[in-house]
Amino acid sequence: MKTIDEWAYTVHENAKNKGFHDFPEVDVQVALMKLALVHSEVSEVLEAYRKEQGADKIMDEIADICIRTFDFYQMLLEAGQVRGSLDEAISIKHAKNTGRPHMHGVLA
């Protein structure tokens, strides 16, 4: 099974091969555009769930969130705008979250 870092590389290479990275540099405008694509996939999950389009459609859209996020990470990594492993960052963040109190930061 692939690691998250391996998936990030794989989906980013595919996106490049399909022309989704045909721009001269990774600047703020490009980063915002790529983040907007992640956001649009989140909205598509919301709509699929709201419209009761079924588990397969919801899973498809969740996969798109991951693909867009991994592509974004790998783009920033290759541009030197982030460092390190996404696998490691998730592991560190999860460990931090496990130590937080129940429903931390939620105003009910």
N, C-alpha and C. Protein backbone atom coordinates (compact mmCIF):
# COMPACT_ATOMS: atom_id res chain seq x y z
N MET A 1 0.84 -1.18 0.00
CA MET A 1 0.00 0.00 0.00
C MET A 1 0.90 1.25 0.00
N LYS A 2 0.47 2.26 -0.72
CA LYS A 2 1.26 3.49 -0.81
C LYS A 2 1.10 4.34 0.45
N THR A 3 2.18 5.06 0.75
CA THR A 3 2.10 6.06 1.82
C THR A 3 1.40 7.30 1.26
N ILE A 4 1.04 8.20 2.14
CA ILE A 4 0.43 9.46 1.69
C ILE A 4 1.42 10.23 0.82
N ASP A 5 2.68 10.25 1.23
CA ASP A 5 3.70 10.95 0.43
C ASP A 5 3.81 10.34 -0.97
N GLU A 6 3.73 9.02 -1.07
CA GLU A 6 3.78 8.38 -2.38
C GLU A 6 2.55 8.72 -3.22
N TRP A 7 1.37 8.76 -2.57
CA TRP A 7 0.16 9.17 -3.29
C TRP A 7 0.27 10.61 -3.76
N ALA A 8 0.80 11.47 -2.90
CA ALA A 8 0.95 12.88 -3.27
C ALA A 8 1.81 13.01 -4.53
N TYR A 9 2.91 12.30 -4.55
CA TYR A 9 3.78 12.34 -5.73
C TYR A 9 3.04 11.82 -6.97
N THR A 10 2.35 10.70 -6.81
CA THR A 10 1.65 10.06 -7.93
C THR A 10 0.56 10.95 -8.50
N VAL A 11 -0.29 11.51 -7.63
CA VAL A 11 -1.40 12.32 -8.15
C VAL A 11 -0.88 13.64 -8.73
N HIS A 12 0.20 14.17 -8.14
CA HIS A 12 0.76 15.41 -8.67
C HIS A 12 1.37 15.18 -10.06
N GLU A 13 2.08 14.07 -10.24
CA GLU A 13 2.64 13.75 -11.56
C GLU A 13 1.52 13.61 -12.59
N ASN A 14 0.43 12.96 -12.21
CA ASN A 14 -0.70 12.82 -13.13
C ASN A 14 -1.29 14.18 -13.47
N ALA A 15 -1.46 15.03 -12.45
CA ALA A 15 -2.02 16.37 -12.69
C ALA A 15 -1.10 17.17 -13.62
N LYS A 16 0.21 17.06 -13.42
CA LYS A 16 1.15 17.74 -14.33
C LYS A 16 1.02 17.20 -15.74
N ASN A 17 0.94 15.89 -15.86
CA ASN A 17 0.82 15.27 -17.19
C ASN A 17 -0.47 15.66 -17.89
N LYS A 18 -1.50 15.99 -17.14
CA LYS A 18 -2.79 16.37 -17.70
C LYS A 18 -2.93 17.88 -17.89
N GLY A 19 -1.84 18.63 -17.64
CA GLY A 19 -1.83 20.06 -17.91
C GLY A 19 -2.31 20.96 -16.78
N PHE A 20 -2.51 20.40 -15.59
CA PHE A 20 -3.03 21.18 -14.48
C PHE A 20 -1.95 22.01 -13.76
N HIS A 21 -0.73 21.94 -14.25
CA HIS A 21 0.36 22.72 -13.65
C HIS A 21 1.16 23.45 -14.72
N ASP A 22 0.50 23.88 -15.76
CA ASP A 22 1.16 24.60 -16.85
C ASP A 22 1.19 26.10 -16.54
N PHE A 23 1.95 26.47 -15.52
CA PHE A 23 2.15 27.87 -15.17
C PHE A 23 3.62 28.04 -14.82
N PRO A 24 4.14 29.25 -15.00
CA PRO A 24 5.59 29.45 -14.86
C PRO A 24 6.12 29.30 -13.44
N GLU A 25 5.33 29.65 -12.44
CA GLU A 25 5.80 29.55 -11.06
C GLU A 25 4.63 29.35 -10.12
N VAL A 26 4.93 28.88 -8.93
CA VAL A 26 3.92 28.73 -7.90
C VAL A 26 3.93 30.01 -7.07
N ASP A 27 2.93 30.86 -7.35
CA ASP A 27 2.81 32.11 -6.60
C ASP A 27 1.51 32.08 -5.79
N VAL A 28 1.19 33.19 -5.15
CA VAL A 28 0.00 33.25 -4.31
C VAL A 28 -1.26 32.96 -5.13
N GLN A 29 -1.34 33.50 -6.32
CA GLN A 29 -2.52 33.29 -7.16
C GLN A 29 -2.72 31.82 -7.49
N VAL A 30 -1.65 31.13 -7.83
CA VAL A 30 -1.74 29.70 -8.13
C VAL A 30 -2.15 28.93 -6.88
N ALA A 31 -1.54 29.24 -5.75
CA ALA A 31 -1.87 28.55 -4.49
C ALA A 31 -3.34 28.75 -4.14
N LEU A 32 -3.84 29.98 -4.28
CA LEU A 32 -5.25 30.25 -3.98
C LEU A 32 -6.17 29.48 -4.93
N MET A 33 -5.80 29.41 -6.19
CA MET A 33 -6.61 28.65 -7.16
C MET A 33 -6.67 27.18 -6.76
N LYS A 34 -5.53 26.61 -6.40
CA LYS A 34 -5.48 25.20 -6.02
C LYS A 34 -6.27 24.95 -4.73
N LEU A 35 -6.20 25.88 -3.77
CA LEU A 35 -7.00 25.74 -2.55
C LEU A 35 -8.48 25.86 -2.84
N ALA A 36 -8.85 26.71 -3.79
CA ALA A 36 -10.26 26.83 -4.17
C ALA A 36 -10.77 25.51 -4.75
N LEU A 37 -9.91 24.78 -5.45
CA LEU A 37 -10.30 23.48 -5.98
C LEU A 37 -10.54 22.47 -4.86
N VAL A 38 -9.72 22.52 -3.81
CA VAL A 38 -9.96 21.67 -2.64
C VAL A 38 -11.32 22.02 -2.04
N HIS A 39 -11.56 23.30 -1.88
CA HIS A 39 -12.82 23.78 -1.30
C HIS A 39 -14.00 23.31 -2.15
N SER A 40 -13.88 23.37 -3.46
CA SER A 40 -14.99 22.95 -4.33
C SER A 40 -15.30 21.47 -4.15
N GLU A 41 -14.27 20.67 -3.91
CA GLU A 41 -14.51 19.24 -3.68
C GLU A 41 -15.23 19.01 -2.35
N VAL A 42 -14.90 19.80 -1.33
CA VAL A 42 -15.60 19.71 -0.06
C VAL A 42 -17.08 20.05 -0.27
N SER A 43 -17.34 21.08 -1.05
CA SER A 43 -18.72 21.46 -1.35
C SER A 43 -19.45 20.36 -2.11
N GLU A 44 -18.74 19.64 -2.96
CA GLU A 44 -19.37 18.55 -3.70
C GLU A 44 -19.75 17.40 -2.78
N VAL A 45 -18.96 17.14 -1.74
CA VAL A 45 -19.34 16.13 -0.75
C VAL A 45 -20.60 16.58 -0.02
N LEU A 46 -20.60 17.84 0.37
CA LEU A 46 -21.77 18.40 1.05
C LEU A 46 -23.03 18.22 0.21
N GLU A 47 -22.94 18.54 -1.07
CA GLU A 47 -24.10 18.42 -1.95
C GLU A 47 -24.51 16.95 -2.15
N ALA A 48 -23.54 16.09 -2.31
CA ALA A 48 -23.85 14.67 -2.48
C ALA A 48 -24.55 14.12 -1.24
N TYR A 49 -24.09 14.53 -0.08
CA TYR A 49 -24.71 14.09 1.16
C TYR A 49 -26.10 14.70 1.31
N ARG A 50 -26.21 15.99 1.07
CA ARG A 50 -27.48 16.71 1.21
C ARG A 50 -28.53 16.17 0.25
N LYS A 51 -28.12 15.86 -0.96
CA LYS A 51 -29.06 15.38 -1.98
C LYS A 51 -29.22 13.86 -1.96
N GLU A 52 -28.62 13.23 -0.94
CA GLU A 52 -28.73 11.77 -0.76
C GLU A 52 -28.37 11.01 -2.03
N GLN A 53 -27.21 11.35 -2.59
CA GLN A 53 -26.77 10.73 -3.84
C GLN A 53 -26.09 9.38 -3.63
N GLY A 54 -25.96 8.96 -2.39
CA GLY A 54 -25.46 7.63 -2.10
C GLY A 54 -24.00 7.59 -1.68
N ALA A 55 -23.67 6.47 -1.07
CA ALA A 55 -22.34 6.28 -0.50
C ALA A 55 -21.24 6.32 -1.55
N ASP A 56 -21.49 5.76 -2.73
CA ASP A 56 -20.46 5.74 -3.77
C ASP A 56 -20.10 7.16 -4.21
N LYS A 57 -21.10 8.01 -4.39
CA LYS A 57 -20.85 9.40 -4.79
C LYS A 57 -20.11 10.15 -3.69
N ILE A 58 -20.51 9.95 -2.45
CA ILE A 58 -19.85 10.60 -1.32
C ILE A 58 -18.38 10.17 -1.25
N MET A 59 -18.13 8.86 -1.38
CA MET A 59 -16.75 8.37 -1.34
C MET A 59 -15.93 8.92 -2.51
N ASP A 60 -16.53 9.02 -3.68
CA ASP A 60 -15.85 9.57 -4.84
C ASP A 60 -15.41 11.01 -4.58
N GLU A 61 -16.29 11.79 -3.98
CA GLU A 61 -15.97 13.19 -3.70
C GLU A 61 -14.94 13.32 -2.57
N ILE A 62 -15.01 12.45 -1.57
CA ILE A 62 -13.98 12.46 -0.51
C ILE A 62 -12.61 12.13 -1.12
N ALA A 63 -12.59 11.18 -2.04
CA ALA A 63 -11.33 10.85 -2.72
C ALA A 63 -10.81 12.07 -3.48
N ASP A 64 -11.70 12.82 -4.11
CA ASP A 64 -11.28 14.03 -4.82
C ASP A 64 -10.67 15.06 -3.87
N ILE A 65 -11.20 15.17 -2.65
CA ILE A 65 -10.61 16.08 -1.66
C ILE A 65 -9.17 15.67 -1.40
N CYS A 66 -8.96 14.38 -1.17
CA CYS A 66 -7.61 13.89 -0.90
C CYS A 66 -6.69 14.13 -2.09
N ILE A 67 -7.15 13.83 -3.27
CA ILE A 67 -6.34 14.01 -4.47
C ILE A 67 -5.95 15.47 -4.65
N ARG A 68 -6.90 16.38 -4.54
CA ARG A 68 -6.59 17.81 -4.68
C ARG A 68 -5.64 18.28 -3.58
N THR A 69 -5.84 17.79 -2.36
CA THR A 69 -4.97 18.18 -1.24
C THR A 69 -3.56 17.65 -1.43
N PHE A 70 -3.45 16.39 -1.84
CA PHE A 70 -2.13 15.80 -2.07
C PHE A 70 -1.41 16.52 -3.20
N ASP A 71 -2.14 16.85 -4.26
CA ASP A 71 -1.56 17.58 -5.38
C ASP A 71 -1.03 18.94 -4.91
N PHE A 72 -1.83 19.63 -4.10
CA PHE A 72 -1.44 20.94 -3.57
C PHE A 72 -0.16 20.83 -2.73
N TYR A 73 -0.13 19.85 -1.83
CA TYR A 73 1.06 19.63 -1.00
C TYR A 73 2.30 19.37 -1.85
N GLN A 74 2.18 18.47 -2.81
CA GLN A 74 3.34 18.11 -3.64
C GLN A 74 3.81 19.30 -4.47
N MET A 75 2.87 20.11 -4.96
CA MET A 75 3.21 21.31 -5.71
C MET A 75 4.05 22.25 -4.83
N LEU A 76 3.58 22.48 -3.59
CA LEU A 76 4.32 23.35 -2.67
C LEU A 76 5.67 22.76 -2.29
N LEU A 77 5.72 21.44 -2.11
CA LEU A 77 6.97 20.77 -1.78
C LEU A 77 7.99 20.96 -2.90
N GLU A 78 7.58 20.72 -4.13
CA GLU A 78 8.50 20.86 -5.27
C GLU A 78 8.91 22.31 -5.50
N ALA A 79 8.05 23.25 -5.11
CA ALA A 79 8.38 24.68 -5.24
C ALA A 79 9.22 25.18 -4.07
N GLY A 80 9.50 24.31 -3.10
CA GLY A 80 10.29 24.70 -1.94
C GLY A 80 9.53 25.56 -0.95
N GLN A 81 8.21 25.54 -1.02
CA GLN A 81 7.40 26.39 -0.13
C GLN A 81 6.96 25.66 1.14
N VAL A 82 7.11 24.35 1.17
CA VAL A 82 6.95 23.55 2.38
C VAL A 82 8.09 22.54 2.41
N ARG A 83 8.33 22.00 3.58
CA ARG A 83 9.38 20.98 3.73
C ARG A 83 8.80 19.79 4.48
N GLY A 84 9.40 18.65 4.26
CA GLY A 84 9.07 17.48 5.06
C GLY A 84 8.00 16.59 4.46
N SER A 85 7.62 15.65 5.26
CA SER A 85 6.71 14.60 4.87
C SER A 85 5.29 14.90 5.33
N LEU A 86 4.34 14.73 4.44
CA LEU A 86 2.93 14.87 4.83
C LEU A 86 2.54 13.72 5.75
N ASP A 87 3.07 12.53 5.50
CA ASP A 87 2.83 11.40 6.42
C ASP A 87 3.23 11.79 7.84
N GLU A 88 4.41 12.36 7.97
CA GLU A 88 4.92 12.75 9.29
C GLU A 88 4.09 13.89 9.89
N ALA A 89 3.72 14.87 9.09
CA ALA A 89 2.93 15.99 9.59
C ALA A 89 1.58 15.52 10.11
N ILE A 90 0.95 14.58 9.40
CA ILE A 90 -0.34 14.04 9.85
C ILE A 90 -0.15 13.27 11.15
N SER A 91 0.90 12.49 11.24
CA SER A 91 1.17 11.72 12.45
C SER A 91 1.38 12.64 13.66
N ILE A 92 2.16 13.69 13.46
CA ILE A 92 2.42 14.65 14.55
C ILE A 92 1.13 15.36 14.95
N LYS A 93 0.36 15.79 13.97
CA LYS A 93 -0.89 16.50 14.26
C LYS A 93 -1.89 15.59 14.95
N HIS A 94 -1.97 14.33 14.52
CA HIS A 94 -2.89 13.39 15.17
C HIS A 94 -2.49 13.16 16.62
N ALA A 95 -1.19 13.01 16.86
CA ALA A 95 -0.73 12.82 18.24
C ALA A 95 -1.10 14.02 19.10
N LYS A 96 -0.96 15.21 18.54
CA LYS A 96 -1.34 16.43 19.27
C LYS A 96 -2.84 16.43 19.55
N ASN A 97 -3.65 16.05 18.54
CA ASN A 97 -5.09 16.03 18.72
C ASN A 97 -5.56 15.01 19.75
N THR A 98 -4.85 13.88 19.86
CA THR A 98 -5.25 12.88 20.84
C THR A 98 -5.06 13.37 22.26
N GLY A 99 -4.19 14.34 22.46
CA GLY A 99 -3.95 14.89 23.79
C GLY A 99 -4.86 16.05 24.15
N ARG A 100 -5.72 16.45 23.24
CA ARG A 100 -6.62 17.58 23.51
C ARG A 100 -7.85 17.12 24.29
N PRO A 101 -8.47 18.04 25.01
CA PRO A 101 -9.67 17.67 25.76
C PRO A 101 -10.86 17.39 24.82
N HIS A 102 -11.85 16.72 25.38
CA HIS A 102 -13.07 16.39 24.65
C HIS A 102 -13.71 17.65 24.08
N MET A 103 -14.02 17.61 22.77
CA MET A 103 -14.69 18.70 22.08
C MET A 103 -13.97 20.04 22.24
N HIS A 104 -12.66 19.99 22.23
CA HIS A 104 -11.85 21.19 22.41
C HIS A 104 -12.20 22.28 21.40
N GLY A 105 -12.37 23.46 21.90
CA GLY A 105 -12.59 24.63 21.06
C GLY A 105 -13.97 24.74 20.42
N VAL A 106 -14.89 23.83 20.76
CA VAL A 106 -16.22 23.88 20.16
C VAL A 106 -17.16 24.63 21.11
N LEU A 107 -17.83 25.61 20.55
CA LEU A 107 -18.84 26.33 21.33
C LEU A 107 -20.18 25.70 21.03
N ALA A 108 -20.74 25.04 22.00
CA ALA A 108 -22.02 24.34 21.76
C ALA A 108 -23.20 25.20 22.07
